[in-house]
Protein backbone atom coordinates (compact mmCIF):
# COMPACT_ATOMS: atom_id res chain seq x y z
CA MET A 1 73.21 17.53 -32.34
CA PRO A 2 71.93 19.23 -29.14
CA PHE A 3 73.72 18.76 -25.85
CA ASP A 4 71.84 16.21 -23.72
CA GLU A 5 72.05 16.98 -20.02
CA MET A 6 71.95 13.30 -19.09
CA THR A 7 74.31 11.79 -21.65
CA GLY A 8 76.31 14.69 -23.11
CA HIS A 9 77.04 14.52 -26.85
CA ASN A 10 80.76 13.98 -27.27
CA GLY A 11 81.41 10.45 -28.55
CA PRO A 12 79.38 7.47 -27.32
CA PRO A 13 76.61 8.27 -24.82
CA GLU A 14 78.01 8.36 -21.30
CA ILE A 15 75.85 9.20 -18.31
CA ARG A 16 77.02 12.47 -16.77
CA GLU A 17 77.93 12.31 -13.09
CA SER A 18 74.93 14.25 -11.79
CA TYR A 19 72.53 11.86 -13.57
CA GLN A 20 74.17 8.53 -12.72
CA ALA A 21 72.00 7.75 -9.67
CA LEU A 22 68.88 8.66 -11.66
CA ALA A 23 69.95 6.39 -14.53
CA ARG A 24 70.39 3.47 -12.11
CA TRP A 25 67.02 4.17 -10.51
CA LEU A 26 65.30 4.27 -13.91
CA GLU A 27 66.87 0.92 -14.88
CA GLU A 28 65.60 -0.74 -11.72
CA ALA A 29 62.11 0.84 -11.71
CA PRO A 30 59.14 -1.23 -12.98
CA PRO A 31 58.32 -0.35 -16.62
CA ASP A 32 54.98 1.31 -15.85
CA LEU A 33 56.02 3.12 -12.64
CA LEU A 34 56.76 6.51 -14.22
CA GLN A 35 53.50 6.53 -16.15
CA ALA A 36 51.52 5.63 -13.04
CA ARG A 37 53.22 8.39 -11.04
CA SER A 38 52.60 10.83 -13.90
CA ARG A 39 48.87 10.07 -13.77
CA GLN A 40 48.92 10.57 -9.99
CA ALA A 41 50.60 13.95 -10.39
CA GLU A 42 48.00 15.09 -12.92
CA LEU A 43 45.20 14.00 -10.59
CA PHE A 44 46.73 15.87 -7.64
CA PHE A 45 47.24 19.03 -9.68
CA ARG A 46 43.64 18.94 -10.93
CA ARG A 47 42.31 18.53 -7.42
CA MET A 48 44.38 21.48 -6.22
CA GLY A 49 43.18 23.62 -9.15
CA ILE A 50 46.65 24.46 -10.41
CA THR A 51 45.70 25.93 -13.78
CA PHE A 52 46.48 28.96 -15.91
CA ALA A 53 44.25 30.93 -18.25
CA VAL A 54 44.85 31.18 -21.99
CA TYR A 55 43.73 34.51 -23.39
CA GLY A 56 41.89 34.59 -26.69
CA GLU A 57 40.38 31.11 -26.48
CA ALA A 58 36.63 30.90 -26.31
CA ALA A 59 36.59 27.37 -24.89
CA SER A 60 38.85 25.48 -22.49
CA SER A 61 40.49 28.72 -21.35
CA GLU A 62 41.63 27.10 -18.09
CA ARG A 63 44.46 24.61 -18.63
CA LEU A 64 46.56 22.34 -16.49
CA ILE A 65 50.27 22.91 -17.12
CA PRO A 66 51.70 19.51 -18.08
CA PHE A 67 54.16 18.25 -15.47
CA ASP A 68 57.01 15.90 -16.35
CA VAL A 69 58.02 13.56 -13.53
CA VAL A 70 61.67 13.12 -14.62
CA PRO A 71 63.72 15.75 -12.72
CA ARG A 72 66.27 18.02 -14.33
CA ILE A 73 69.53 17.81 -12.33
CA ILE A 74 72.19 20.51 -11.97
CA GLY A 75 75.48 19.77 -10.21
CA ALA A 76 76.80 21.89 -7.35
CA SER A 77 79.69 23.40 -9.33
CA GLU A 78 77.42 24.15 -12.32
CA TRP A 79 75.01 25.99 -10.05
CA ALA A 80 77.78 27.95 -8.32
CA GLY A 81 78.77 29.45 -11.68
CA LEU A 82 75.17 30.22 -12.58
CA GLU A 83 74.47 31.78 -9.19
CA ALA A 84 77.49 34.12 -9.46
CA GLY A 85 76.34 35.20 -12.91
CA LEU A 86 72.75 35.79 -11.76
CA VAL A 87 73.86 37.90 -8.78
CA GLN A 88 76.13 39.96 -11.04
CA ARG A 89 73.43 40.48 -13.66
CA VAL A 90 70.62 41.45 -11.28
CA GLY A 91 72.98 43.80 -9.44
CA ALA A 92 73.76 45.50 -12.75
CA LEU A 93 70.04 45.72 -13.61
CA ASN A 94 69.37 47.48 -10.30
CA ALA A 95 72.25 49.90 -10.88
CA PHE A 96 71.06 50.54 -14.46
CA LEU A 97 67.51 51.40 -13.36
CA LYS A 98 68.76 53.61 -10.53
CA ASP A 99 70.91 55.45 -13.09
CA ILE A 100 68.38 55.97 -15.87
CA TYR A 101 65.87 57.39 -13.38
CA GLY A 102 68.68 59.40 -11.78
CA PRO A 103 71.82 60.97 -13.27
CA GLN A 104 71.66 58.94 -16.52
CA GLU A 105 75.42 58.49 -16.63
CA CYS A 106 75.14 55.43 -18.89
CA LEU A 107 73.23 57.49 -21.47
CA LYS A 108 75.76 60.31 -21.31
CA ALA A 109 78.59 57.80 -21.75
CA GLY A 110 76.95 56.35 -24.86
CA ILE A 111 76.57 52.88 -23.36
CA ILE A 112 73.01 52.70 -24.65
CA PRO A 113 71.20 55.08 -27.06
CA PRO A 114 69.13 57.60 -25.05
CA GLU A 115 66.15 57.30 -27.41
CA LEU A 116 65.93 53.58 -26.65
CA ILE A 117 65.23 54.50 -23.02
CA LEU A 118 63.48 57.86 -23.11
CA THR A 119 60.98 56.89 -25.84
CA ASN A 120 60.47 53.37 -24.50
CA PRO A 121 56.79 52.66 -23.70
CA CYS A 122 57.90 51.17 -20.36
CA TYR A 123 59.93 54.23 -19.34
CA ARG A 124 58.03 56.08 -16.59
CA PRO A 125 58.99 59.78 -16.40
CA GLU A 126 57.04 59.92 -13.12
CA MET A 127 59.98 58.02 -11.55
CA GLN A 128 62.66 60.43 -12.78
CA GLY A 129 64.62 61.65 -9.76
CA ARG A 130 62.80 59.25 -7.44
CA ARG A 131 64.39 56.60 -5.25
CA PRO A 132 62.32 53.66 -4.05
CA PRO A 133 62.63 52.58 -0.41
CA GLY A 134 65.91 50.79 0.16
CA ASP A 135 67.06 51.93 -3.30
CA ILE A 136 65.92 48.56 -4.69
CA TRP A 137 64.23 48.50 -8.11
CA VAL A 138 64.19 44.81 -8.99
CA HIS A 139 63.03 42.98 -5.87
CA ILE A 140 62.15 39.78 -7.76
CA ALA A 141 63.75 38.81 -11.08
CA GLY A 142 63.19 35.81 -13.30
CA VAL A 143 66.15 35.32 -15.66
CA ASP A 144 65.55 32.90 -18.56
CA LEU A 145 68.58 30.73 -19.32
CA VAL A 146 69.28 28.28 -22.13
CA ARG A 147 72.11 25.80 -22.40
CA THR A 148 73.98 24.84 -25.55
CA ASN A 149 76.87 22.68 -24.24
CA GLU A 150 78.63 21.45 -21.10
CA ASP A 151 79.61 24.96 -19.99
CA GLY A 152 77.45 27.09 -22.25
CA PHE A 153 74.59 28.74 -20.37
CA HIS A 154 73.25 31.90 -22.05
CA VAL A 155 70.69 34.46 -20.90
CA LEU A 156 67.72 34.46 -23.24
CA GLU A 157 65.84 37.31 -21.56
CA ASP A 158 65.38 39.20 -18.30
CA ASN A 159 61.96 39.32 -16.60
CA VAL A 160 61.87 42.17 -14.10
CA ARG A 161 58.36 43.58 -14.28
CA THR A 162 56.15 40.92 -12.72
CA PRO A 163 57.99 37.62 -13.29
CA SER A 164 55.79 34.57 -12.90
CA GLY A 165 56.24 30.83 -12.46
CA VAL A 166 57.64 30.53 -8.95
CA SER A 167 54.49 28.77 -7.68
CA TYR A 168 55.10 25.97 -10.18
CA MET A 169 58.70 25.66 -8.97
CA LEU A 170 57.42 25.13 -5.43
CA GLU A 171 54.48 22.88 -6.33
CA ASN A 172 56.68 20.73 -8.58
CA ARG A 173 59.08 20.08 -5.70
CA GLU A 174 56.25 19.21 -3.31
CA MET A 175 54.82 16.81 -5.88
CA MET A 176 58.15 15.08 -6.49
CA MET A 177 58.79 14.64 -2.77
CA ARG A 178 55.36 13.06 -2.42
CA LEU A 179 55.72 10.71 -5.41
CA PHE A 180 59.44 9.83 -5.34
CA PRO A 181 60.75 9.75 -1.75
CA ASP A 182 62.99 6.81 -2.68
CA LEU A 183 64.66 8.82 -5.47
CA PHE A 184 65.25 11.77 -3.15
CA ALA A 185 67.09 9.36 -0.85
CA GLU A 186 69.64 8.91 -3.67
CA TYR A 187 70.45 12.62 -4.01
CA PRO A 188 71.51 15.53 -1.76
CA VAL A 189 69.03 17.98 -3.29
CA ARG A 190 69.07 21.59 -2.09
CA PRO A 191 65.66 22.72 -0.83
CA VAL A 192 63.50 25.29 -2.60
CA GLU A 193 60.80 25.24 0.08
CA THR A 194 62.58 28.11 1.84
CA TYR A 195 61.77 30.48 -1.04
CA ALA A 196 58.68 31.92 0.69
CA ASP A 197 60.74 32.72 3.81
CA MET A 198 63.48 34.24 1.65
CA LEU A 199 60.93 36.40 -0.17
CA LEU A 200 59.22 37.49 3.04
CA ASP A 201 62.54 38.49 4.63
CA SER A 202 63.51 40.33 1.46
CA LEU A 203 60.24 42.28 1.27
CA ARG A 204 60.42 43.18 4.97
CA ALA A 205 63.95 44.50 4.48
CA CYS A 206 62.65 46.77 1.69
CA ALA A 207 59.86 48.35 3.77
CA PRO A 208 59.85 52.15 4.20
CA SER A 209 61.83 53.49 7.13
CA GLY A 210 58.70 54.34 9.13
CA ALA A 211 57.12 50.90 8.82
CA GLY A 212 58.36 49.55 12.16
CA ALA A 213 59.60 46.09 13.06
CA ASP A 214 56.62 44.22 11.59
CA PRO A 215 55.67 45.86 8.26
CA CYS A 216 52.30 45.01 6.71
CA ILE A 217 52.78 43.25 3.37
CA VAL A 218 50.08 42.42 0.80
CA VAL A 219 49.96 40.80 -2.64
CA LEU A 220 48.10 42.95 -5.19
CA THR A 221 46.36 40.92 -7.92
CA PRO A 222 44.33 42.03 -10.96
CA GLY A 223 41.76 39.40 -9.88
CA GLN A 224 40.56 35.92 -10.64
CA TYR A 225 40.44 36.40 -14.42
CA ASN A 226 44.18 37.01 -14.66
CA SER A 227 46.17 34.14 -16.19
CA ALA A 228 48.44 33.90 -13.13
CA TYR A 229 45.74 34.29 -10.45
CA TYR A 230 46.49 30.86 -9.02
CA GLU A 231 50.07 31.96 -8.41
CA HIS A 232 48.98 35.21 -6.75
CA SER A 233 46.75 33.39 -4.27
CA PHE A 234 49.37 30.66 -3.74
CA LEU A 235 52.09 33.18 -2.90
CA ALA A 236 49.87 35.19 -0.55
CA ASP A 237 49.07 31.96 1.29
CA LYS A 238 52.74 30.88 1.47
CA LEU A 239 53.83 34.32 2.68
CA GLY A 240 51.01 34.48 5.22
CA VAL A 241 49.81 37.86 3.92
CA GLU A 242 46.55 39.20 2.49
CA LEU A 243 45.68 38.84 -1.19
CA CYS A 244 44.17 42.15 -2.29
CA GLU A 245 42.51 43.60 -5.35
CA GLY A 246 42.63 47.32 -6.06
CA ALA A 247 39.25 47.93 -4.41
CA ASP A 248 40.57 46.49 -1.13
CA LEU A 249 43.10 49.33 -0.79
CA PHE A 250 42.79 53.10 -0.55
CA VAL A 251 45.09 56.08 -0.06
CA ASP A 252 44.57 58.65 2.69
CA ASP A 253 46.88 61.50 3.67
CA GLY A 254 49.75 60.03 1.65
CA PHE A 255 49.54 56.50 3.10
CA VAL A 256 48.07 53.27 1.72
CA PHE A 257 45.47 51.43 3.78
CA MET A 258 43.75 48.06 3.51
CA ARG A 259 40.07 47.63 4.30
CA THR A 260 39.58 44.96 6.97
CA THR A 261 36.71 43.85 9.22
CA GLN A 262 38.55 45.57 12.10
CA GLY A 263 38.86 48.82 10.19
CA ALA A 264 41.59 50.37 8.04
CA LYS A 265 45.14 48.98 8.37
CA ARG A 266 48.21 50.72 7.01
CA VAL A 267 50.06 48.84 4.24
CA ASP A 268 53.84 49.17 4.01
CA VAL A 269 54.85 46.81 1.17
CA ILE A 270 52.85 45.81 -1.92
CA TYR A 271 54.08 42.80 -3.89
CA ARG A 272 52.23 43.84 -6.99
CA ARG A 273 51.24 41.60 -9.87
CA VAL A 274 49.54 44.48 -11.70
CA ASP A 275 51.39 46.18 -14.57
CA ASP A 276 52.43 49.83 -14.29
CA ALA A 277 49.74 51.13 -16.62
CA TRP A 278 46.92 49.85 -14.39
CA LEU A 279 48.36 50.67 -10.95
CA ASP A 280 46.86 54.11 -10.41
CA PRO A 281 44.04 55.59 -12.54
CA LEU A 282 44.97 59.09 -11.37
CA THR A 283 48.48 58.78 -12.85
CA PHE A 284 48.30 56.18 -15.64
CA GLN A 285 45.27 54.65 -17.40
CA PRO A 286 42.24 56.60 -16.11
CA GLU A 287 39.87 53.73 -16.94
CA SER A 288 41.76 51.22 -14.78
CA ALA A 289 39.60 49.43 -12.22
CA LEU A 290 42.54 47.21 -11.16
CA GLY A 291 44.66 49.79 -9.38
CA VAL A 292 44.43 52.12 -6.41
CA PRO A 293 43.64 55.83 -6.95
CA GLY A 294 46.45 57.93 -5.47
CA LEU A 295 48.88 55.02 -5.09
CA MET A 296 51.63 56.86 -6.96
CA THR A 297 51.32 59.83 -4.61
CA ALA A 298 52.02 57.57 -1.64
CA TYR A 299 54.78 55.76 -3.53
CA GLN A 300 56.53 58.95 -4.56
CA ALA A 301 56.29 60.16 -0.95
CA GLY A 302 58.17 57.03 0.13
CA THR A 303 55.46 55.72 2.48
CA VAL A 304 54.95 52.41 0.65
CA THR A 305 57.21 49.99 -1.21
CA LEU A 306 56.11 48.53 -4.56
CA ALA A 307 57.82 45.31 -5.58
CA ASN A 308 58.90 45.48 -8.29
CA ALA A 309 59.40 49.22 -8.59
CA VAL A 310 57.44 51.25 -11.11
CA GLY A 311 59.39 51.67 -14.36
CA THR A 312 61.37 48.42 -14.25
CA GLY A 313 59.83 47.40 -17.58
CA VAL A 314 62.56 49.33 -19.39
CA ALA A 315 65.03 46.64 -18.32
CA ASP A 316 62.58 43.95 -19.52
CA ASP A 317 62.76 45.28 -23.06
CA LYS A 318 64.42 42.88 -25.51
CA ALA A 319 66.20 45.71 -27.32
CA VAL A 320 67.71 46.89 -24.02
CA TYR A 321 68.70 43.25 -23.38
CA THR A 322 71.09 43.46 -26.32
CA TYR A 323 73.12 46.08 -24.43
CA MET A 324 73.37 44.09 -21.17
CA PRO A 325 77.04 43.08 -21.64
CA GLU A 326 77.97 46.78 -21.93
CA ILE A 327 75.66 47.66 -19.01
CA ILE A 328 77.30 45.02 -16.78
CA ARG A 329 80.80 46.25 -17.66
CA PHE A 330 79.82 49.89 -17.05
CA PHE A 331 78.21 49.37 -13.64
CA THR A 332 80.35 46.54 -12.24
CA GLY A 333 83.70 46.95 -13.96
CA GLU A 334 83.62 43.20 -14.63
CA GLU A 335 83.18 40.96 -17.62
CA PRO A 336 79.73 39.34 -17.79
CA ILE A 337 79.76 35.87 -16.24
CA LEU A 338 76.60 34.86 -18.11
CA LYS A 339 76.67 35.62 -21.83
CA ASN A 340 73.83 36.98 -23.94
CA VAL A 341 72.55 35.07 -26.93
CA PRO A 342 74.01 36.75 -30.08
CA THR A 343 71.34 39.21 -31.21
CA TRP A 344 70.61 41.46 -34.20
CA ARG A 345 68.98 44.80 -33.44
CA CYS A 346 66.57 45.24 -36.32
CA ARG A 347 66.45 48.99 -35.62
CA GLU A 348 69.96 49.16 -37.15
CA PRO A 349 69.81 49.17 -41.00
CA GLU A 350 72.72 46.77 -41.55
CA ALA A 351 71.32 44.31 -39.01
CA LEU A 352 67.85 44.52 -40.58
CA LYS A 353 69.29 43.81 -44.02
CA GLU A 354 71.11 40.74 -42.69
CA VAL A 355 68.02 39.46 -40.85
CA LEU A 356 65.75 39.88 -43.86
CA GLY A 357 68.22 37.82 -45.88
CA LYS A 358 67.92 34.76 -43.63
CA LEU A 359 64.53 34.91 -41.93
CA ASP A 360 64.09 31.19 -42.44
CA GLU A 361 67.09 30.54 -40.14
CA LEU A 362 66.36 32.93 -37.26
CA VAL A 363 64.06 33.51 -34.31
CA VAL A 364 62.55 37.02 -34.49
CA LYS A 365 60.87 38.54 -31.41
CA GLU A 366 58.94 41.67 -30.55
CA VAL A 367 61.00 43.77 -28.14
CA GLY A 368 58.06 44.01 -25.73
CA GLY A 369 56.64 40.54 -26.35
CA SER A 370 56.27 37.70 -23.84
CA GLY A 371 54.77 34.25 -23.46
CA GLY A 372 56.01 33.04 -26.84
CA TYR A 373 53.58 35.31 -28.69
CA GLY A 374 54.45 37.69 -31.52
CA MET A 375 57.54 35.77 -32.61
CA LEU A 376 58.76 33.94 -35.68
CA VAL A 377 60.70 30.67 -35.44
CA GLY A 378 62.11 30.64 -38.96
CA PRO A 379 63.06 26.95 -39.35
CA ALA A 380 59.62 25.86 -38.10
CA SER A 381 57.59 28.35 -40.17
CA THR A 382 55.95 28.09 -43.59
CA LYS A 383 56.97 30.33 -46.49
CA ALA A 384 53.69 32.23 -46.11
CA GLU A 385 54.32 32.84 -42.39
CA ILE A 386 57.85 34.05 -43.12
CA GLU A 387 56.66 36.46 -45.81
CA ASP A 388 53.91 37.77 -43.55
CA PHE A 389 56.50 38.41 -40.83
CA ARG A 390 58.85 40.03 -43.35
CA ARG A 391 56.19 42.67 -44.02
CA LYS A 392 55.79 43.37 -40.28
CA LEU A 393 59.54 43.65 -39.87
CA ILE A 394 59.97 46.10 -42.76
CA ALA A 395 57.04 48.20 -41.53
CA ASP A 396 58.36 48.54 -37.96
CA PRO A 397 61.97 47.29 -37.57
CA ASP A 398 62.44 49.12 -34.24
CA ASP A 399 59.94 46.73 -32.67
CA PHE A 400 61.99 43.56 -33.29
CA ILE A 401 65.21 41.76 -32.50
CA ALA A 402 66.49 38.54 -34.10
CA GLN A 403 68.55 35.67 -32.74
CA PRO A 404 70.04 32.47 -34.16
CA THR A 405 68.03 29.30 -33.66
CA LEU A 406 70.02 27.86 -30.78
CA SER A 407 70.41 24.16 -30.29
CA LEU A 408 68.86 24.16 -26.79
CA SER A 409 69.96 21.38 -24.48
CA THR A 410 67.67 18.41 -23.98
CA ALA A 411 66.73 16.45 -20.87
CA PRO A 412 65.04 13.05 -20.43
CA THR A 413 61.26 13.44 -20.52
CA LEU A 414 58.36 11.00 -20.27
CA ASP A 415 56.21 10.81 -23.41
CA LYS A 416 53.46 8.18 -23.62
CA GLY A 417 55.36 5.91 -21.26
CA GLU A 418 58.68 6.24 -23.09
CA LEU A 419 61.75 8.24 -22.07
CA VAL A 420 62.64 10.71 -24.81
CA SER A 421 64.81 13.83 -25.10
CA ARG A 422 63.05 17.20 -25.16
CA HIS A 423 64.40 20.75 -25.21
CA VAL A 424 64.44 22.70 -21.93
CA ASP A 425 65.17 26.14 -20.55
CA LEU A 426 65.51 27.42 -16.96
CA ARG A 427 64.04 30.40 -15.11
CA PRO A 428 65.84 30.95 -11.79
CA PHE A 429 64.32 33.47 -9.37
CA VAL A 430 66.57 36.11 -7.83
CA LEU A 431 65.66 38.29 -4.82
CA SER A 432 67.19 41.70 -4.05
CA SER A 433 67.06 43.74 -0.85
CA PRO A 434 69.41 46.03 1.12
CA GLN A 435 70.69 42.78 2.68
CA GLY A 436 72.01 41.56 -0.68
CA ILE A 437 71.07 39.51 -3.73
CA LYS A 438 70.14 35.83 -3.43
CA ALA A 439 69.08 33.22 -5.99
CA ALA A 440 66.77 30.37 -5.03
CA PRO A 441 68.63 27.10 -5.78
CA GLY A 442 67.23 25.88 -9.07
CA GLY A 443 64.21 27.56 -10.57
CA LEU A 444 61.50 26.60 -13.01
CA THR A 445 62.54 24.25 -15.80
CA ARG A 446 60.22 24.53 -18.78
CA VAL A 447 60.15 21.75 -21.35
CA ALA A 448 58.99 21.68 -24.98
CA LEU A 449 56.81 18.58 -25.01
CA LYS A 450 56.51 18.35 -28.79
CA ALA A 451 59.32 16.46 -30.54
CA GLY A 452 61.80 18.91 -32.08
CA SER A 453 60.01 21.99 -30.72
CA LEU A 454 62.05 24.81 -29.17
CA VAL A 455 59.02 26.65 -27.69
CA VAL A 456 58.77 25.89 -23.99
CA ASN A 457 56.10 28.44 -22.96
CA SER A 458 53.09 26.91 -21.22
CA SER A 459 50.82 29.10 -23.34
CA GLN A 460 52.33 27.39 -26.41
CA GLY A 461 51.98 23.78 -25.18
CA GLY A 462 55.09 23.49 -23.02
CA GLY A 463 55.32 21.80 -19.64
CA THR A 464 57.43 22.01 -16.48
CA LYS A 465 59.91 19.88 -14.51
CA ASP A 466 61.31 19.91 -11.01
CA THR A 467 64.87 21.30 -10.97
CA TRP A 468 67.30 19.63 -8.61
CA VAL A 469 70.41 21.55 -7.59
CA LEU A 470 72.77 19.24 -5.74
CA GLU A 471 74.64 20.01 -2.54
CA ASP A 472 78.40 20.29 -2.85
């Protein structure tokens, strides 16, 4: 039986301390109040145009992410433990990236197989021997966490290329404050509205040394047809900076400039939401119309900061994820605070043999996959789907990892006017700069809206919740 974050699961249901005020409020609320507020939220989100694109669908490609009005609540002491683990993990990821593009001590020490890094499609040899401004590689990280019991948070994966979802974290909070001011009065909830200021301060601190006291920051987007375009425009607006496409920028004499109505303006920091391969057609994909010709020349000269740094995708890789406990120990000298989910590396013959023997019990993922695509959820798959995946796995085992089907925690969720339990995960957002590493209190809670489903991705029918971290 999964751990329920409101009632626990040991013995008779007993409301956990952090949820007691919510339980009282729900008992006293009129029966149709939640449903009415849910309809209001949907109307507000539609009016604001908060949608995401679904690739590969001919019709209805723009969707509204379903929003659940019942908050997910995390106590102060619970969050303190998570925050310490997130800071430790992101610090280790930064040290790991600095090392593999530098002296490669972790490869020499056998902490991780060299071929897993040096032949990785996300490894960028152009960054070998380079140091980004401020020596920061992962400026913004989104770390996916799942919970299995009272104390059992595990890291499901690390997102350190171009992590998305923070706009929904901020919009969800604004919506809840608008719809439930009386419920907020019952709880000392830590604010997330300061995230934009935290991010802006962090990006400024990472500007090149010659940028001056007021560095010029822009958000680089692939454009309006990207699935996360709403978030790109939202963040540019919150940060008070320009939203640019590749054609809005150019490189001259080793510096990046932005075209404006007042003439060219030097750009110091680019919060980029464009993948490495499309950043610079002179260095990477020559057919790219999304990037800026010559951008890598300026970047390698240290005249502009790219957040996140080029080449961070190596640490995003799910096969590299399996070595994170060893990476944390190597670079910090500490035991990992946040544990990995137990994982089989299908590239290893013994692990592959074991995985093939129980495909119907496991979750199998592509090492470079994202968004819930390219994966097998064994217990929820047909025999034909399992056999089809078996063939893929045998043909290219290096491309897959496997994990047990975890009993993800559940949280109260509104479904057709009734409160039900649905599985959830959590994506906190962590910022790094020379000033230190900070986690925004809470993050984006994603919820599997289908009964029994473990897939929380919005592209696969999942929704989101507001995440309340309580003051001590």
